[in-house]
N, C-alpha and C. Protein backbone atom coordinates (compact mmCIF):
# COMPACT_ATOMS: atom_id res chain seq x y z
N MET A 1 -53.21 -157.89 -154.27
CA MET A 1 -54.36 -158.72 -154.02
C MET A 1 -54.33 -159.16 -152.55
N THR A 2 -55.35 -158.76 -151.81
CA THR A 2 -55.42 -159.14 -150.41
C THR A 2 -56.34 -160.34 -150.23
N GLN A 3 -56.06 -161.10 -149.17
CA GLN A 3 -56.87 -162.27 -148.91
C GLN A 3 -58.10 -161.88 -148.10
N GLU A 4 -59.16 -162.60 -148.30
CA GLU A 4 -60.38 -162.41 -147.54
C GLU A 4 -60.09 -162.76 -146.08
N PRO A 5 -60.61 -161.95 -145.13
CA PRO A 5 -60.30 -162.21 -143.71
C PRO A 5 -60.62 -163.63 -143.26
N SER A 6 -61.68 -164.23 -143.77
CA SER A 6 -62.03 -165.58 -143.35
C SER A 6 -61.01 -166.62 -143.83
N ALA A 7 -60.26 -166.28 -144.89
CA ALA A 7 -59.24 -167.20 -145.40
C ALA A 7 -57.92 -167.06 -144.64
N VAL A 8 -57.74 -165.96 -143.94
CA VAL A 8 -56.50 -165.70 -143.22
C VAL A 8 -56.37 -166.61 -142.00
N ILE A 9 -57.47 -166.86 -141.31
CA ILE A 9 -57.42 -167.68 -140.09
C ILE A 9 -56.90 -169.08 -140.36
N PRO A 10 -57.48 -169.83 -141.31
CA PRO A 10 -56.93 -171.17 -141.57
C PRO A 10 -55.47 -171.14 -142.03
N LEU A 11 -55.11 -170.12 -142.79
CA LEU A 11 -53.73 -169.99 -143.25
C LEU A 11 -52.78 -169.76 -142.08
N LEU A 12 -53.16 -168.89 -141.16
CA LEU A 12 -52.35 -168.61 -139.98
C LEU A 12 -52.24 -169.86 -139.10
N ILE A 13 -53.34 -170.55 -138.90
CA ILE A 13 -53.33 -171.78 -138.10
C ILE A 13 -52.41 -172.81 -138.74
N ALA A 14 -52.51 -172.96 -140.05
CA ALA A 14 -51.67 -173.93 -140.76
C ALA A 14 -50.19 -173.58 -140.63
N ARG A 15 -49.87 -172.30 -140.69
CA ARG A 15 -48.46 -171.89 -140.55
C ARG A 15 -47.93 -172.14 -139.15
N ILE A 16 -48.74 -171.85 -138.15
CA ILE A 16 -48.32 -172.11 -136.76
C ILE A 16 -48.08 -173.60 -136.58
N ARG A 17 -49.01 -174.41 -137.09
CA ARG A 17 -48.85 -175.87 -136.96
C ARG A 17 -47.62 -176.36 -137.71
N ARG A 18 -47.36 -175.81 -138.89
CA ARG A 18 -46.19 -176.21 -139.66
C ARG A 18 -44.90 -175.87 -138.92
N ILE A 19 -44.84 -174.68 -138.36
CA ILE A 19 -43.66 -174.28 -137.58
C ILE A 19 -43.49 -175.21 -136.38
N ASN A 20 -44.59 -175.49 -135.68
CA ASN A 20 -44.51 -176.37 -134.51
C ASN A 20 -44.15 -177.80 -134.89
N ASN A 21 -44.57 -178.25 -136.07
CA ASN A 21 -44.15 -179.57 -136.54
C ASN A 21 -42.64 -179.60 -136.77
N LEU A 22 -42.11 -178.55 -137.36
CA LEU A 22 -40.66 -178.47 -137.58
C LEU A 22 -39.91 -178.42 -136.24
N ILE A 23 -40.46 -177.68 -135.29
CA ILE A 23 -39.86 -177.62 -133.97
C ILE A 23 -39.87 -179.01 -133.33
N ALA A 24 -40.98 -179.73 -133.47
CA ALA A 24 -41.08 -181.07 -132.89
C ALA A 24 -40.06 -182.02 -133.52
N ILE A 25 -39.86 -181.91 -134.82
CA ILE A 25 -38.87 -182.75 -135.49
C ILE A 25 -37.46 -182.41 -134.99
N ALA A 26 -37.17 -181.11 -134.89
CA ALA A 26 -35.86 -180.68 -134.39
C ALA A 26 -35.65 -181.17 -132.95
N ALA A 27 -36.69 -181.03 -132.12
CA ALA A 27 -36.59 -181.49 -130.73
C ALA A 27 -36.37 -183.00 -130.68
N GLY A 28 -37.04 -183.73 -131.54
CA GLY A 28 -36.85 -185.18 -131.59
C GLY A 28 -35.43 -185.54 -131.99
N LEU A 29 -34.89 -184.84 -132.97
CA LEU A 29 -33.51 -185.10 -133.40
C LEU A 29 -32.52 -184.79 -132.28
N VAL A 30 -32.77 -183.71 -131.55
CA VAL A 30 -31.90 -183.36 -130.43
C VAL A 30 -31.98 -184.44 -129.35
N LEU A 31 -33.19 -184.94 -129.09
CA LEU A 31 -33.33 -186.02 -128.11
C LEU A 31 -32.59 -187.28 -128.54
N VAL A 32 -32.69 -187.62 -129.82
CA VAL A 32 -31.98 -188.80 -130.34
C VAL A 32 -30.47 -188.61 -130.18
N ALA A 33 -29.98 -187.42 -130.51
CA ALA A 33 -28.55 -187.13 -130.35
C ALA A 33 -28.14 -187.25 -128.89
N CYS A 34 -29.00 -186.80 -127.99
CA CYS A 34 -28.71 -186.88 -126.56
C CYS A 34 -28.66 -188.34 -126.11
N VAL A 35 -29.58 -189.14 -126.59
CA VAL A 35 -29.58 -190.57 -126.25
C VAL A 35 -28.30 -191.23 -126.75
N ILE A 36 -27.90 -190.91 -127.97
CA ILE A 36 -26.67 -191.47 -128.53
C ILE A 36 -25.46 -191.06 -127.68
N LEU A 37 -25.43 -189.80 -127.29
CA LEU A 37 -24.34 -189.32 -126.44
C LEU A 37 -24.29 -190.09 -125.12
N ILE A 38 -25.43 -190.28 -124.50
CA ILE A 38 -25.48 -191.00 -123.21
C ILE A 38 -25.07 -192.45 -123.40
N LEU A 39 -25.57 -193.09 -124.45
CA LEU A 39 -25.21 -194.49 -124.71
C LEU A 39 -23.71 -194.63 -124.97
N LEU A 40 -23.15 -193.72 -125.76
CA LEU A 40 -21.71 -193.76 -126.00
C LEU A 40 -20.93 -193.58 -124.71
N ASP A 41 -21.38 -192.66 -123.89
CA ASP A 41 -20.70 -192.42 -122.62
C ASP A 41 -20.76 -193.66 -121.73
N ILE A 42 -21.91 -194.33 -121.71
CA ILE A 42 -22.05 -195.56 -120.90
C ILE A 42 -21.13 -196.66 -121.43
N VAL A 43 -21.12 -196.84 -122.74
CA VAL A 43 -20.26 -197.88 -123.34
C VAL A 43 -18.79 -197.56 -123.09
N LEU A 44 -18.41 -196.31 -123.27
CA LEU A 44 -17.01 -195.92 -123.07
C LEU A 44 -16.59 -196.04 -121.60
N ARG A 45 -17.51 -195.86 -120.68
CA ARG A 45 -17.19 -196.03 -119.26
C ARG A 45 -16.77 -197.46 -118.95
N GLU A 46 -17.31 -198.40 -119.71
CA GLU A 46 -16.96 -199.81 -119.50
C GLU A 46 -15.49 -200.08 -119.83
N VAL A 47 -14.91 -199.25 -120.69
CA VAL A 47 -13.49 -199.41 -121.02
C VAL A 47 -12.62 -198.34 -120.36
N GLY A 48 -13.22 -197.64 -119.38
CA GLY A 48 -12.44 -196.69 -118.60
C GLY A 48 -12.35 -195.28 -119.17
N ILE A 49 -13.16 -194.97 -120.16
CA ILE A 49 -13.14 -193.63 -120.77
C ILE A 49 -14.52 -193.01 -120.55
N SER A 50 -14.56 -191.69 -120.41
CA SER A 50 -15.85 -191.01 -120.28
C SER A 50 -15.75 -189.62 -120.87
N PHE A 51 -16.79 -189.21 -121.55
CA PHE A 51 -16.84 -187.83 -122.06
C PHE A 51 -16.89 -186.88 -120.87
N GLY A 52 -17.72 -187.26 -119.92
CA GLY A 52 -18.01 -186.36 -118.82
C GLY A 52 -18.99 -185.30 -119.28
N GLY A 53 -20.01 -185.08 -118.52
CA GLY A 53 -20.97 -184.03 -118.85
C GLY A 53 -22.20 -184.49 -119.61
N ALA A 54 -22.29 -185.78 -119.92
CA ALA A 54 -23.47 -186.25 -120.65
C ALA A 54 -24.74 -186.01 -119.84
N GLU A 55 -24.66 -186.20 -118.52
CA GLU A 55 -25.84 -185.98 -117.68
C GLU A 55 -26.19 -184.50 -117.62
N GLU A 56 -25.18 -183.65 -117.65
CA GLU A 56 -25.42 -182.20 -117.65
C GLU A 56 -26.09 -181.78 -118.96
N ILE A 57 -25.55 -182.24 -120.05
CA ILE A 57 -26.10 -181.90 -121.36
C ILE A 57 -27.54 -182.42 -121.48
N SER A 58 -27.78 -183.64 -121.00
CA SER A 58 -29.14 -184.20 -121.09
C SER A 58 -30.13 -183.38 -120.27
N GLY A 59 -29.69 -182.82 -119.16
CA GLY A 59 -30.57 -181.95 -118.37
C GLY A 59 -30.94 -180.69 -119.14
N TYR A 60 -29.95 -180.10 -119.80
CA TYR A 60 -30.22 -178.91 -120.60
C TYR A 60 -31.16 -179.26 -121.76
N VAL A 61 -30.92 -180.39 -122.38
CA VAL A 61 -31.76 -180.82 -123.50
C VAL A 61 -33.20 -181.01 -123.04
N MET A 62 -33.39 -181.65 -121.89
CA MET A 62 -34.75 -181.88 -121.40
C MET A 62 -35.47 -180.57 -121.13
N ALA A 63 -34.79 -179.60 -120.55
CA ALA A 63 -35.42 -178.30 -120.27
C ALA A 63 -35.79 -177.60 -121.58
N GLY A 64 -34.89 -177.64 -122.55
CA GLY A 64 -35.17 -177.00 -123.84
C GLY A 64 -36.28 -177.69 -124.60
N VAL A 65 -36.24 -179.01 -124.64
CA VAL A 65 -37.26 -179.77 -125.37
C VAL A 65 -38.63 -179.59 -124.71
N ALA A 66 -38.66 -179.56 -123.39
CA ALA A 66 -39.94 -179.38 -122.69
C ALA A 66 -40.54 -178.01 -123.01
N SER A 67 -39.73 -176.96 -122.93
CA SER A 67 -40.29 -175.63 -123.18
C SER A 67 -40.71 -175.46 -124.64
N TRP A 68 -39.93 -175.97 -125.57
CA TRP A 68 -40.28 -175.87 -126.99
C TRP A 68 -41.39 -176.84 -127.38
N GLY A 69 -41.45 -177.98 -126.73
CA GLY A 69 -42.45 -178.99 -127.10
C GLY A 69 -43.87 -178.62 -126.71
N MET A 70 -44.02 -177.72 -125.76
CA MET A 70 -45.37 -177.35 -125.33
C MET A 70 -46.17 -176.68 -126.43
N SER A 71 -45.53 -175.92 -127.29
CA SER A 71 -46.27 -175.28 -128.38
C SER A 71 -46.75 -176.32 -129.39
N TYR A 72 -45.96 -177.37 -129.61
CA TYR A 72 -46.39 -178.45 -130.49
C TYR A 72 -47.59 -179.16 -129.88
N ALA A 73 -47.51 -179.47 -128.60
CA ALA A 73 -48.63 -180.13 -127.92
C ALA A 73 -49.88 -179.26 -127.97
N LEU A 74 -49.69 -177.96 -127.88
CA LEU A 74 -50.82 -177.04 -127.94
C LEU A 74 -51.55 -177.12 -129.27
N THR A 75 -50.80 -177.06 -130.36
CA THR A 75 -51.45 -177.07 -131.68
C THR A 75 -51.94 -178.45 -132.08
N GLU A 76 -51.47 -179.49 -131.40
CA GLU A 76 -51.95 -180.85 -131.67
C GLU A 76 -53.03 -181.27 -130.68
N LEU A 77 -53.49 -180.33 -129.85
CA LEU A 77 -54.54 -180.59 -128.84
C LEU A 77 -54.14 -181.73 -127.91
N ALA A 78 -52.89 -181.76 -127.53
CA ALA A 78 -52.37 -182.85 -126.71
C ALA A 78 -52.26 -182.50 -125.23
N HIS A 79 -52.56 -181.27 -124.86
CA HIS A 79 -52.53 -180.91 -123.45
C HIS A 79 -53.71 -181.58 -122.74
N VAL A 80 -53.48 -182.05 -121.55
CA VAL A 80 -54.50 -182.77 -120.79
C VAL A 80 -55.53 -181.79 -120.26
N ARG A 81 -56.80 -182.16 -120.47
CA ARG A 81 -57.91 -181.39 -119.91
C ARG A 81 -58.94 -182.37 -119.37
N ILE A 82 -59.57 -181.97 -118.31
CA ILE A 82 -60.64 -182.80 -117.75
C ILE A 82 -61.94 -182.34 -118.40
N ASP A 83 -62.57 -183.23 -119.12
CA ASP A 83 -63.73 -182.84 -119.91
C ASP A 83 -65.05 -183.40 -119.38
N LEU A 84 -65.11 -183.72 -118.11
CA LEU A 84 -66.31 -184.28 -117.50
C LEU A 84 -67.53 -183.38 -117.71
N ILE A 85 -67.38 -182.11 -117.41
CA ILE A 85 -68.48 -181.16 -117.58
C ILE A 85 -68.64 -180.78 -119.05
N ARG A 86 -67.53 -180.57 -119.72
CA ARG A 86 -67.54 -180.12 -121.11
C ARG A 86 -68.37 -181.04 -122.00
N LEU A 87 -68.24 -182.34 -121.82
CA LEU A 87 -68.95 -183.30 -122.67
C LEU A 87 -70.47 -183.25 -122.49
N ARG A 88 -70.92 -182.72 -121.37
CA ARG A 88 -72.35 -182.66 -121.09
C ARG A 88 -73.00 -181.38 -121.62
N LEU A 89 -72.17 -180.48 -122.11
CA LEU A 89 -72.69 -179.19 -122.58
C LEU A 89 -72.94 -179.20 -124.08
N ARG A 90 -73.74 -178.23 -124.49
CA ARG A 90 -73.97 -178.05 -125.92
C ARG A 90 -72.79 -177.30 -126.52
N GLN A 91 -72.85 -177.12 -127.81
CA GLN A 91 -71.72 -176.55 -128.56
C GLN A 91 -71.26 -175.20 -128.00
N ARG A 92 -72.18 -174.30 -127.73
CA ARG A 92 -71.82 -172.97 -127.23
C ARG A 92 -71.16 -173.07 -125.84
N GLY A 93 -71.68 -173.92 -124.97
CA GLY A 93 -71.10 -174.11 -123.64
C GLY A 93 -69.70 -174.70 -123.72
N ARG A 94 -69.51 -175.69 -124.61
CA ARG A 94 -68.18 -176.27 -124.80
C ARG A 94 -67.21 -175.21 -125.31
N ALA A 95 -67.70 -174.37 -126.23
CA ALA A 95 -66.85 -173.32 -126.79
C ALA A 95 -66.41 -172.34 -125.70
N MET A 96 -67.31 -172.01 -124.78
CA MET A 96 -66.95 -171.09 -123.70
C MET A 96 -65.91 -171.73 -122.77
N LEU A 97 -66.07 -173.01 -122.44
CA LEU A 97 -65.07 -173.68 -121.62
C LEU A 97 -63.73 -173.77 -122.34
N ASP A 98 -63.76 -174.01 -123.65
CA ASP A 98 -62.52 -174.04 -124.43
C ASP A 98 -61.84 -172.67 -124.42
N LEU A 99 -62.65 -171.61 -124.52
CA LEU A 99 -62.09 -170.27 -124.48
C LEU A 99 -61.45 -169.99 -123.12
N ILE A 100 -62.14 -170.37 -122.05
CA ILE A 100 -61.58 -170.19 -120.70
C ILE A 100 -60.27 -170.96 -120.58
N ALA A 101 -60.24 -172.18 -121.10
CA ALA A 101 -59.03 -173.01 -121.01
C ALA A 101 -57.86 -172.39 -121.77
N ILE A 102 -58.10 -171.92 -122.99
CA ILE A 102 -56.98 -171.36 -123.77
C ILE A 102 -56.53 -170.03 -123.20
N VAL A 103 -57.46 -169.24 -122.65
CA VAL A 103 -57.06 -167.98 -122.01
C VAL A 103 -56.22 -168.27 -120.77
N ALA A 104 -56.65 -169.24 -119.96
CA ALA A 104 -55.89 -169.61 -118.76
C ALA A 104 -54.49 -170.11 -119.13
N LEU A 105 -54.43 -170.93 -120.18
CA LEU A 105 -53.13 -171.45 -120.62
C LEU A 105 -52.24 -170.32 -121.13
N ALA A 106 -52.82 -169.41 -121.91
CA ALA A 106 -52.03 -168.29 -122.44
C ALA A 106 -51.52 -167.41 -121.31
N LEU A 107 -52.39 -167.11 -120.35
CA LEU A 107 -51.96 -166.27 -119.22
C LEU A 107 -50.86 -166.95 -118.42
N THR A 108 -51.02 -168.25 -118.19
CA THR A 108 -50.00 -168.99 -117.45
C THR A 108 -48.67 -168.99 -118.19
N SER A 109 -48.72 -169.22 -119.50
CA SER A 109 -47.47 -169.25 -120.28
C SER A 109 -46.79 -167.89 -120.31
N VAL A 110 -47.58 -166.83 -120.36
CA VAL A 110 -47.00 -165.48 -120.36
C VAL A 110 -46.36 -165.19 -119.00
N VAL A 111 -47.04 -165.56 -117.92
CA VAL A 111 -46.46 -165.34 -116.59
C VAL A 111 -45.15 -166.11 -116.44
N ILE A 112 -45.13 -167.35 -116.89
CA ILE A 112 -43.90 -168.14 -116.78
C ILE A 112 -42.78 -167.53 -117.62
N ALA A 113 -43.10 -167.15 -118.86
CA ALA A 113 -42.08 -166.54 -119.73
C ALA A 113 -41.53 -165.26 -119.10
N VAL A 114 -42.42 -164.46 -118.55
CA VAL A 114 -41.98 -163.21 -117.91
C VAL A 114 -41.10 -163.51 -116.70
N GLN A 115 -41.44 -164.54 -115.95
CA GLN A 115 -40.65 -164.90 -114.77
C GLN A 115 -39.34 -165.59 -115.13
N CYS A 116 -39.24 -166.14 -116.31
CA CYS A 116 -37.99 -166.77 -116.76
C CYS A 116 -36.92 -165.72 -117.07
N TRP A 117 -37.35 -164.56 -117.55
CA TRP A 117 -36.39 -163.54 -117.95
C TRP A 117 -35.44 -163.14 -116.82
N PRO A 118 -35.91 -162.87 -115.60
CA PRO A 118 -34.96 -162.49 -114.54
C PRO A 118 -33.90 -163.56 -114.26
N VAL A 119 -34.27 -164.83 -114.44
CA VAL A 119 -33.29 -165.91 -114.25
C VAL A 119 -32.16 -165.75 -115.26
N LEU A 120 -32.52 -165.58 -116.53
CA LEU A 120 -31.51 -165.41 -117.58
C LEU A 120 -30.75 -164.10 -117.40
N ALA A 121 -31.46 -163.04 -117.07
CA ALA A 121 -30.80 -161.73 -116.89
C ALA A 121 -29.74 -161.79 -115.79
N LYS A 122 -30.08 -162.45 -114.68
CA LYS A 122 -29.13 -162.57 -113.56
C LYS A 122 -27.92 -163.42 -113.98
N THR A 123 -28.19 -164.47 -114.75
CA THR A 123 -27.10 -165.33 -115.24
C THR A 123 -26.15 -164.53 -116.13
N ILE A 124 -26.71 -163.74 -117.02
CA ILE A 124 -25.88 -162.92 -117.92
C ILE A 124 -25.10 -161.88 -117.12
N GLU A 125 -25.79 -161.22 -116.20
CA GLU A 125 -25.17 -160.18 -115.38
C GLU A 125 -23.98 -160.73 -114.58
N ARG A 126 -24.14 -161.92 -114.04
CA ARG A 126 -23.09 -162.51 -113.21
C ARG A 126 -22.06 -163.30 -114.02
N GLY A 127 -22.37 -163.57 -115.28
CA GLY A 127 -21.48 -164.39 -116.08
C GLY A 127 -21.42 -165.82 -115.54
N SER A 128 -22.54 -166.32 -115.07
CA SER A 128 -22.59 -167.63 -114.42
C SER A 128 -22.30 -168.77 -115.39
N SER A 129 -21.60 -169.75 -114.86
CA SER A 129 -21.37 -170.98 -115.62
C SER A 129 -21.64 -172.15 -114.69
N ALA A 130 -21.85 -173.31 -115.28
CA ALA A 130 -22.16 -174.50 -114.50
C ALA A 130 -20.98 -174.87 -113.61
N ASN A 131 -21.29 -175.36 -112.45
CA ASN A 131 -20.26 -175.79 -111.50
C ASN A 131 -19.93 -177.26 -111.79
N THR A 132 -19.51 -177.50 -113.03
CA THR A 132 -19.20 -178.85 -113.49
C THR A 132 -17.91 -178.81 -114.31
N ALA A 133 -17.50 -179.98 -114.74
CA ALA A 133 -16.28 -180.05 -115.56
C ALA A 133 -16.45 -179.29 -116.88
N LEU A 134 -17.66 -179.27 -117.42
CA LEU A 134 -17.88 -178.57 -118.69
C LEU A 134 -17.87 -177.05 -118.54
N GLU A 135 -18.20 -176.58 -117.35
CA GLU A 135 -18.29 -175.14 -117.09
C GLU A 135 -19.11 -174.42 -118.16
N THR A 136 -20.24 -175.00 -118.50
CA THR A 136 -21.12 -174.44 -119.52
C THR A 136 -21.59 -173.05 -119.12
N PRO A 137 -21.42 -172.06 -120.00
CA PRO A 137 -22.01 -170.74 -119.71
C PRO A 137 -23.53 -170.92 -119.66
N LEU A 138 -24.13 -170.65 -118.51
CA LEU A 138 -25.54 -170.98 -118.31
C LEU A 138 -26.50 -170.14 -119.16
N TRP A 139 -26.02 -169.05 -119.73
CA TRP A 139 -26.91 -168.26 -120.56
C TRP A 139 -27.30 -169.04 -121.82
N ILE A 140 -26.49 -170.00 -122.24
CA ILE A 140 -26.81 -170.76 -123.46
C ILE A 140 -28.04 -171.65 -123.25
N PRO A 141 -28.02 -172.59 -122.28
CA PRO A 141 -29.23 -173.40 -122.11
C PRO A 141 -30.43 -172.59 -121.62
N GLN A 142 -30.16 -171.56 -120.81
CA GLN A 142 -31.28 -170.75 -120.32
C GLN A 142 -31.93 -169.93 -121.44
N SER A 143 -31.15 -169.52 -122.43
CA SER A 143 -31.71 -168.80 -123.58
C SER A 143 -32.61 -169.71 -124.40
N ILE A 144 -32.18 -170.94 -124.58
CA ILE A 144 -33.00 -171.92 -125.31
C ILE A 144 -34.29 -172.18 -124.54
N TRP A 145 -34.18 -172.36 -123.25
CA TRP A 145 -35.33 -172.61 -122.38
C TRP A 145 -36.30 -171.43 -122.42
N LEU A 146 -35.78 -170.21 -122.25
CA LEU A 146 -36.63 -169.02 -122.27
C LEU A 146 -37.29 -168.82 -123.63
N SER A 147 -36.54 -169.02 -124.70
CA SER A 147 -37.12 -168.81 -126.03
C SER A 147 -38.26 -169.80 -126.30
N GLY A 148 -38.15 -171.01 -125.76
CA GLY A 148 -39.25 -171.97 -125.88
C GLY A 148 -40.49 -171.48 -125.16
N TRP A 149 -40.33 -170.92 -123.97
CA TRP A 149 -41.47 -170.37 -123.24
C TRP A 149 -42.06 -169.17 -123.96
N ILE A 150 -41.21 -168.35 -124.55
CA ILE A 150 -41.72 -167.19 -125.29
C ILE A 150 -42.52 -167.66 -126.50
N TRP A 151 -42.00 -168.64 -127.23
CA TRP A 151 -42.73 -169.16 -128.39
C TRP A 151 -44.07 -169.77 -127.97
N PHE A 152 -44.08 -170.51 -126.87
CA PHE A 152 -45.31 -171.08 -126.35
C PHE A 152 -46.30 -169.97 -126.01
N SER A 153 -45.83 -168.90 -125.40
CA SER A 153 -46.69 -167.76 -125.07
C SER A 153 -47.26 -167.11 -126.32
N VAL A 154 -46.41 -166.92 -127.32
CA VAL A 154 -46.87 -166.33 -128.58
C VAL A 154 -47.94 -167.22 -129.22
N CYS A 155 -47.67 -168.51 -129.30
CA CYS A 155 -48.64 -169.44 -129.90
C CYS A 155 -49.96 -169.45 -129.14
N SER A 156 -49.88 -169.52 -127.81
CA SER A 156 -51.12 -169.59 -127.04
C SER A 156 -51.90 -168.28 -127.12
N CYS A 157 -51.22 -167.15 -127.13
CA CYS A 157 -51.92 -165.86 -127.28
C CYS A 157 -52.54 -165.73 -128.66
N LEU A 158 -51.84 -166.18 -129.69
CA LEU A 158 -52.44 -166.18 -131.03
C LEU A 158 -53.68 -167.06 -131.09
N LEU A 159 -53.64 -168.20 -130.42
CA LEU A 159 -54.80 -169.08 -130.40
C LEU A 159 -55.97 -168.45 -129.65
N VAL A 160 -55.69 -167.66 -128.63
CA VAL A 160 -56.76 -166.94 -127.94
C VAL A 160 -57.43 -165.99 -128.91
N ILE A 161 -56.64 -165.22 -129.62
CA ILE A 161 -57.19 -164.24 -130.57
C ILE A 161 -57.98 -164.95 -131.67
N LEU A 162 -57.40 -166.00 -132.24
CA LEU A 162 -58.10 -166.73 -133.31
C LEU A 162 -59.38 -167.38 -132.80
N THR A 163 -59.35 -167.90 -131.58
CA THR A 163 -60.55 -168.51 -130.99
C THR A 163 -61.63 -167.46 -130.80
N LEU A 164 -61.26 -166.30 -130.29
CA LEU A 164 -62.23 -165.21 -130.12
C LEU A 164 -62.87 -164.82 -131.45
N VAL A 165 -62.05 -164.70 -132.49
CA VAL A 165 -62.57 -164.35 -133.81
C VAL A 165 -63.55 -165.41 -134.29
N LEU A 166 -63.19 -166.67 -134.13
CA LEU A 166 -64.07 -167.76 -134.56
C LEU A 166 -65.37 -167.78 -133.76
N LEU A 167 -65.29 -167.54 -132.47
CA LEU A 167 -66.50 -167.55 -131.65
C LEU A 167 -67.41 -166.37 -131.95
N VAL A 168 -66.83 -165.21 -132.20
CA VAL A 168 -67.63 -164.05 -132.58
C VAL A 168 -68.39 -164.32 -133.88
N LYS A 169 -67.76 -165.08 -134.78
CA LYS A 169 -68.40 -165.44 -136.05
C LYS A 169 -69.28 -166.69 -135.92
N SER A 170 -69.45 -167.18 -134.69
CA SER A 170 -70.24 -168.39 -134.42
C SER A 170 -69.74 -169.62 -135.18
N ARG A 171 -68.44 -169.68 -135.40
CA ARG A 171 -67.83 -170.83 -136.06
C ARG A 171 -67.32 -171.79 -134.98
N PHE A 172 -68.29 -172.40 -134.28
CA PHE A 172 -67.98 -173.25 -133.13
C PHE A 172 -67.20 -174.50 -133.51
N ASP A 173 -67.52 -175.08 -134.64
CA ASP A 173 -66.78 -176.28 -135.06
C ASP A 173 -65.31 -175.95 -135.33
N ASP A 174 -65.07 -174.81 -135.96
CA ASP A 174 -63.68 -174.40 -136.24
C ASP A 174 -62.93 -174.10 -134.94
N ALA A 175 -63.63 -173.45 -133.99
CA ALA A 175 -63.01 -173.16 -132.69
C ALA A 175 -62.70 -174.45 -131.95
N ASP A 176 -63.61 -175.42 -132.04
CA ASP A 176 -63.38 -176.72 -131.40
C ASP A 176 -62.18 -177.42 -132.02
N ALA A 177 -62.06 -177.34 -133.33
CA ALA A 177 -60.92 -177.97 -134.01
C ALA A 177 -59.61 -177.28 -133.63
N LEU A 178 -59.69 -175.99 -133.28
CA LEU A 178 -58.49 -175.22 -132.95
C LEU A 178 -58.05 -175.43 -131.50
N VAL A 179 -58.98 -175.35 -130.55
CA VAL A 179 -58.59 -175.40 -129.14
C VAL A 179 -59.43 -176.36 -128.29
N GLY A 180 -60.31 -177.12 -128.91
CA GLY A 180 -61.16 -178.03 -128.15
C GLY A 180 -60.38 -179.18 -127.55
N ALA A 181 -61.04 -179.87 -126.64
CA ALA A 181 -60.43 -181.04 -126.01
C ALA A 181 -60.87 -182.28 -126.77
N ARG A 182 -59.99 -183.23 -126.89
CA ARG A 182 -60.32 -184.51 -127.53
C ARG A 182 -60.64 -185.50 -126.43
N SER A 183 -61.86 -186.01 -126.46
CA SER A 183 -62.25 -187.00 -125.45
C SER A 183 -61.75 -188.38 -125.88
N GLU A 184 -61.79 -189.32 -124.96
CA GLU A 184 -61.37 -190.69 -125.28
C GLU A 184 -62.23 -191.27 -126.38
N VAL A 185 -63.50 -190.91 -126.39
CA VAL A 185 -64.41 -191.41 -127.42
C VAL A 185 -63.95 -190.94 -128.79
N GLU A 186 -63.60 -189.64 -128.89
CA GLU A 186 -63.14 -189.09 -130.16
C GLU A 186 -61.80 -189.67 -130.57
N LEU A 187 -60.93 -189.94 -129.60
CA LEU A 187 -59.60 -190.48 -129.92
C LEU A 187 -59.69 -191.91 -130.41
N GLU A 188 -60.67 -192.67 -129.95
CA GLU A 188 -60.81 -194.06 -130.35
C GLU A 188 -61.38 -194.20 -131.75
N SER A 189 -62.15 -193.20 -132.20
CA SER A 189 -62.76 -193.31 -133.54
C SER A 189 -61.87 -192.78 -134.63
């Protein structure tokens, strides 16, 4: 039994959002663990003990959380957009601006992901490690960082495809719910 094509789009969108929600929860837990580590290190420094490396680890965590968190922000329509012109347009005009915005975002994310790979490849090739007491093999945090950019690229490209399908079917409200911008007026209500 196959699903009707019109039923596949909401299902796919729901799955992407569910995955990104899980990613956001995991990223939040990692941030909480990082805060606890930093607080413990600060408290222990008062008695002359230190883990060492808490600042290094927190830097890696921030890079990983930022790259992975962008896909969550994307599906929650949390990316900042200037909607001065968009609000003055009719539904079709807003849809075209939304399409331009998601295509630009997808292209940017793909370019960044592609440019991240040489950084990781060079790190692996050289066997680079951090010039710190932890001597962290840099391929570990860079792999997490790159994979976040790749996931963001995949999500944004999928949203481009889904938006195009919705616009071809003249489902402007659905496209707006998928990639539209939320104005302050809409956020307040």
